[in-house]
Amino acid sequence: MNEERKGVWRILAVDEDGCIGCRACSSLWPEISTSLSLSERGPERTVMFPRIVEESETKIAGGLEEVCPVGAISIISPGEIPGEDSFSLVFDMVRCPRCRAPFATGRELDYVKGKLPEDIRAKSSHPSWIDLCPTCRRSAFREGASREVIVRRSGARR
C-alpha cells in the first residue's frame, strides 16, 4: 500500500450504467460537494467522483448511497486500492424543445418519466411538459392557466 494512502477506509463505487447524472449526490452536503465536481458545458454534464474515501469522510460518504435515487452509488471496503484518485462520468444533455437550452440528462428524464403517474402527465397544459426545461415548463403552465381564465370569462359573458 502507498504511504500516502494509509488513511484509506473505503472505495467509492459508482455503477456507470446505472447512474443517471441527476446531481443528487453533488447537493448532499458541502463536504461531499467539494469532493464531487460537476460541470455543465454545452450539451454535456460531467460528474467527477473521488475514488477514495478517507476514514474521516466515511459517515458523510455513506449518505451518498442513501441519496442516489437509482442506487448507483456504494461505498465498499477496499480489496485493492485503485490507482486513480477520481473518475468522471459524462452525460449528454437533453435540450428543451422550446428554448433549446440543455437542462437534464436523457437518463434523468427517463427516470422521472417512469416515476410519474399517467394521470399527472395527462393533466398538463403542454402535451410534452416533462421534456421542457423548468423555465419553459413554468411558462407553459402560466399560458395554460391564462387560457383557462380567458375561456371561463368569455363563456360567462355569453
Protein backbone atom coordinates (compact mmCIF):
# COMPACT_ATOMS: atom_id res chain seq x y z
CA MET A 1 0.00 0.00 0.00
CA ASN A 2 1.25 3.53 -0.75
CA GLU A 3 2.46 5.53 2.24
CA GLU A 4 0.22 8.42 1.21
CA ARG A 5 -2.88 6.20 1.20
CA LYS A 6 -2.66 4.69 4.69
CA GLY A 7 -5.82 6.54 5.79
CA VAL A 8 -7.94 4.89 3.08
CA TRP A 9 -11.06 3.41 4.59
CA ARG A 10 -13.47 2.82 1.71
CA ILE A 11 -13.70 2.97 -2.06
CA LEU A 12 -16.49 4.89 -3.79
CA ALA A 13 -18.07 2.63 -6.39
CA VAL A 14 -20.48 4.06 -8.95
CA ASP A 15 -22.43 1.90 -11.39
CA GLU A 16 -21.65 3.75 -14.61
CA ASP A 17 -24.59 2.15 -16.44
CA GLY A 18 -26.97 2.88 -13.57
CA CYS A 19 -26.02 6.49 -12.79
CA ILE A 20 -28.45 8.94 -14.38
CA GLY A 21 -26.38 12.09 -13.80
CA CYS A 22 -29.11 13.75 -11.75
CA ARG A 23 -26.76 15.66 -9.41
CA ALA A 24 -28.49 14.46 -6.22
CA CYS A 25 -25.13 13.34 -4.84
CA SER A 26 -23.50 16.70 -5.51
CA SER A 27 -26.02 18.59 -3.44
CA LEU A 28 -25.93 16.35 -0.36
CA TRP A 29 -23.52 18.16 1.96
CA PRO A 30 -20.84 20.80 1.47
CA GLU A 31 -18.17 18.27 2.48
CA ILE A 32 -19.22 15.94 -0.32
CA SER A 33 -19.87 18.71 -2.79
CA THR A 34 -16.23 19.75 -2.54
CA SER A 35 -15.14 16.18 -3.30
CA LEU A 36 -17.53 15.80 -6.22
CA SER A 37 -17.11 18.00 -9.23
CA LEU A 38 -19.96 18.93 -11.53
CA SER A 39 -19.54 20.63 -14.86
CA GLU A 40 -22.13 21.55 -17.45
CA ARG A 41 -20.62 22.75 -20.69
CA GLY A 42 -22.87 23.00 -23.69
CA PRO A 43 -24.56 19.69 -24.37
CA GLU A 44 -22.67 17.68 -21.73
CA ARG A 45 -22.74 17.22 -17.97
CA THR A 46 -19.66 15.78 -16.32
CA VAL A 47 -19.67 14.45 -12.77
CA MET A 48 -16.25 13.71 -11.28
CA PHE A 49 -16.30 11.37 -8.31
CA PRO A 50 -13.49 10.81 -5.81
CA ARG A 51 -12.41 7.18 -5.88
CA ILE A 52 -11.02 7.03 -2.35
CA VAL A 53 -12.96 7.93 0.79
CA GLU A 54 -10.81 8.69 3.81
CA GLU A 55 -11.77 7.28 7.20
CA SER A 56 -12.95 10.68 8.45
CA GLU A 57 -15.29 11.04 5.44
CA THR A 58 -16.88 7.58 5.59
CA LYS A 59 -20.03 8.54 7.51
CA ILE A 60 -20.69 11.51 5.25
CA ALA A 61 -19.98 9.49 2.11
CA GLY A 62 -22.37 6.79 3.31
CA GLY A 63 -25.15 9.32 2.74
CA LEU A 64 -24.38 9.19 -0.97
CA GLU A 65 -25.75 5.66 -1.08
CA GLU A 66 -28.98 6.85 0.51
CA VAL A 67 -29.48 9.95 -1.63
CA CYS A 68 -28.88 8.29 -5.01
CA PRO A 69 -32.39 7.72 -6.44
CA VAL A 70 -31.30 4.76 -8.57
CA GLY A 71 -28.90 3.09 -6.12
CA ALA A 72 -25.89 3.57 -8.39
CA ILE A 73 -23.53 4.62 -5.60
CA SER A 74 -21.99 2.36 -3.00
CA ILE A 75 -19.14 2.62 -0.54
CA ILE A 76 -17.13 -0.61 -0.42
CA SER A 77 -14.18 -1.96 1.53
CA PRO A 78 -11.01 -1.80 -0.49
CA GLY A 79 -9.89 -5.12 -1.89
CA GLU A 80 -7.30 -3.37 -3.93
CA ILE A 81 -6.51 0.33 -3.81
CA PRO A 82 -7.28 1.88 -7.20
CA GLY A 83 -4.50 3.74 -8.96
CA GLU A 84 -6.59 6.78 -9.80
CA ASP A 85 -7.84 9.28 -7.22
CA SER A 86 -11.01 10.15 -9.15
CA PHE A 87 -13.08 9.20 -12.17
CA SER A 88 -15.62 11.04 -14.30
CA LEU A 89 -18.90 10.19 -15.95
CA VAL A 90 -20.04 12.25 -18.92
CA PHE A 91 -23.70 12.54 -19.88
CA ASP A 92 -25.28 14.01 -22.98
CA MET A 93 -27.77 16.71 -22.06
CA VAL A 94 -31.28 16.91 -23.49
CA ARG A 95 -32.24 20.26 -24.98
CA CYS A 96 -35.57 21.89 -24.23
CA PRO A 97 -37.68 21.76 -27.41
CA ARG A 98 -38.90 25.28 -26.76
CA CYS A 99 -35.78 27.33 -25.85
CA ARG A 100 -33.11 24.79 -26.93
CA ALA A 101 -31.21 25.11 -23.63
CA PRO A 102 -29.63 21.88 -22.32
CA PHE A 103 -31.21 21.11 -18.94
CA ALA A 104 -31.14 17.42 -17.98
CA THR A 105 -29.56 14.13 -18.96
CA GLY A 106 -31.55 11.68 -21.07
CA ARG A 107 -31.29 9.06 -18.33
CA GLU A 108 -32.53 11.58 -15.77
CA LEU A 109 -35.62 12.40 -17.85
CA ASP A 110 -36.36 8.73 -18.50
CA TYR A 111 -36.17 8.09 -14.75
CA VAL A 112 -38.57 10.94 -13.95
CA LYS A 113 -40.98 9.91 -16.73
CA GLY A 114 -41.03 6.38 -15.35
CA LYS A 115 -41.95 7.64 -11.88
CA LEU A 116 -44.81 9.95 -12.89
CA PRO A 117 -48.32 8.51 -12.96
CA GLU A 118 -50.01 8.78 -16.36
CA ASP A 119 -52.88 10.89 -14.98
CA ILE A 120 -50.42 13.62 -13.95
CA ARG A 121 -48.95 13.73 -17.45
CA ALA A 122 -52.45 13.92 -18.93
CA LYS A 123 -53.45 16.94 -16.80
CA SER A 124 -50.60 19.03 -18.16
CA SER A 125 -51.24 22.19 -20.16
CA HIS A 126 -48.49 21.18 -22.58
CA PRO A 127 -48.54 17.70 -24.15
CA SER A 128 -44.84 17.08 -23.59
CA TRP A 129 -44.31 19.23 -20.49
CA ILE A 130 -41.80 16.83 -18.97
CA ASP A 131 -39.45 17.43 -21.91
CA LEU A 132 -39.40 21.17 -21.22
CA CYS A 133 -36.75 22.87 -19.09
CA PRO A 134 -38.02 24.21 -15.74
CA THR A 135 -38.29 27.79 -17.08
CA CYS A 136 -40.32 26.79 -20.14
CA ARG A 137 -42.37 24.38 -18.02
CA ARG A 138 -43.42 27.25 -15.74
CA SER A 139 -44.15 29.40 -18.77
CA ALA A 140 -46.32 26.66 -20.34
CA PHE A 141 -48.19 26.28 -17.06
CA ARG A 142 -48.85 30.04 -16.90
CA GLU A 143 -50.02 30.06 -20.53
CA GLY A 144 -52.38 27.18 -19.84
CA ALA A 145 -53.74 28.87 -16.72
CA SER A 146 -54.23 32.12 -18.66
CA ARG A 147 -56.10 30.30 -21.43
CA GLU A 148 -58.33 28.70 -18.82
CA VAL A 149 -59.20 32.07 -17.29
CA ILE A 150 -59.92 33.59 -20.71
CA VAL A 151 -62.17 30.68 -21.67
CA ARG A 152 -64.09 30.91 -18.37
CA ARG A 153 -64.53 34.68 -18.68
CA SER A 154 -65.64 34.52 -22.32
CA GLY A 155 -68.10 31.75 -21.50
CA ALA A 156 -69.56 33.71 -18.60
CA ARG A 157 -70.26 36.77 -20.77
CA ARG A 158 -72.26 34.94 -23.37
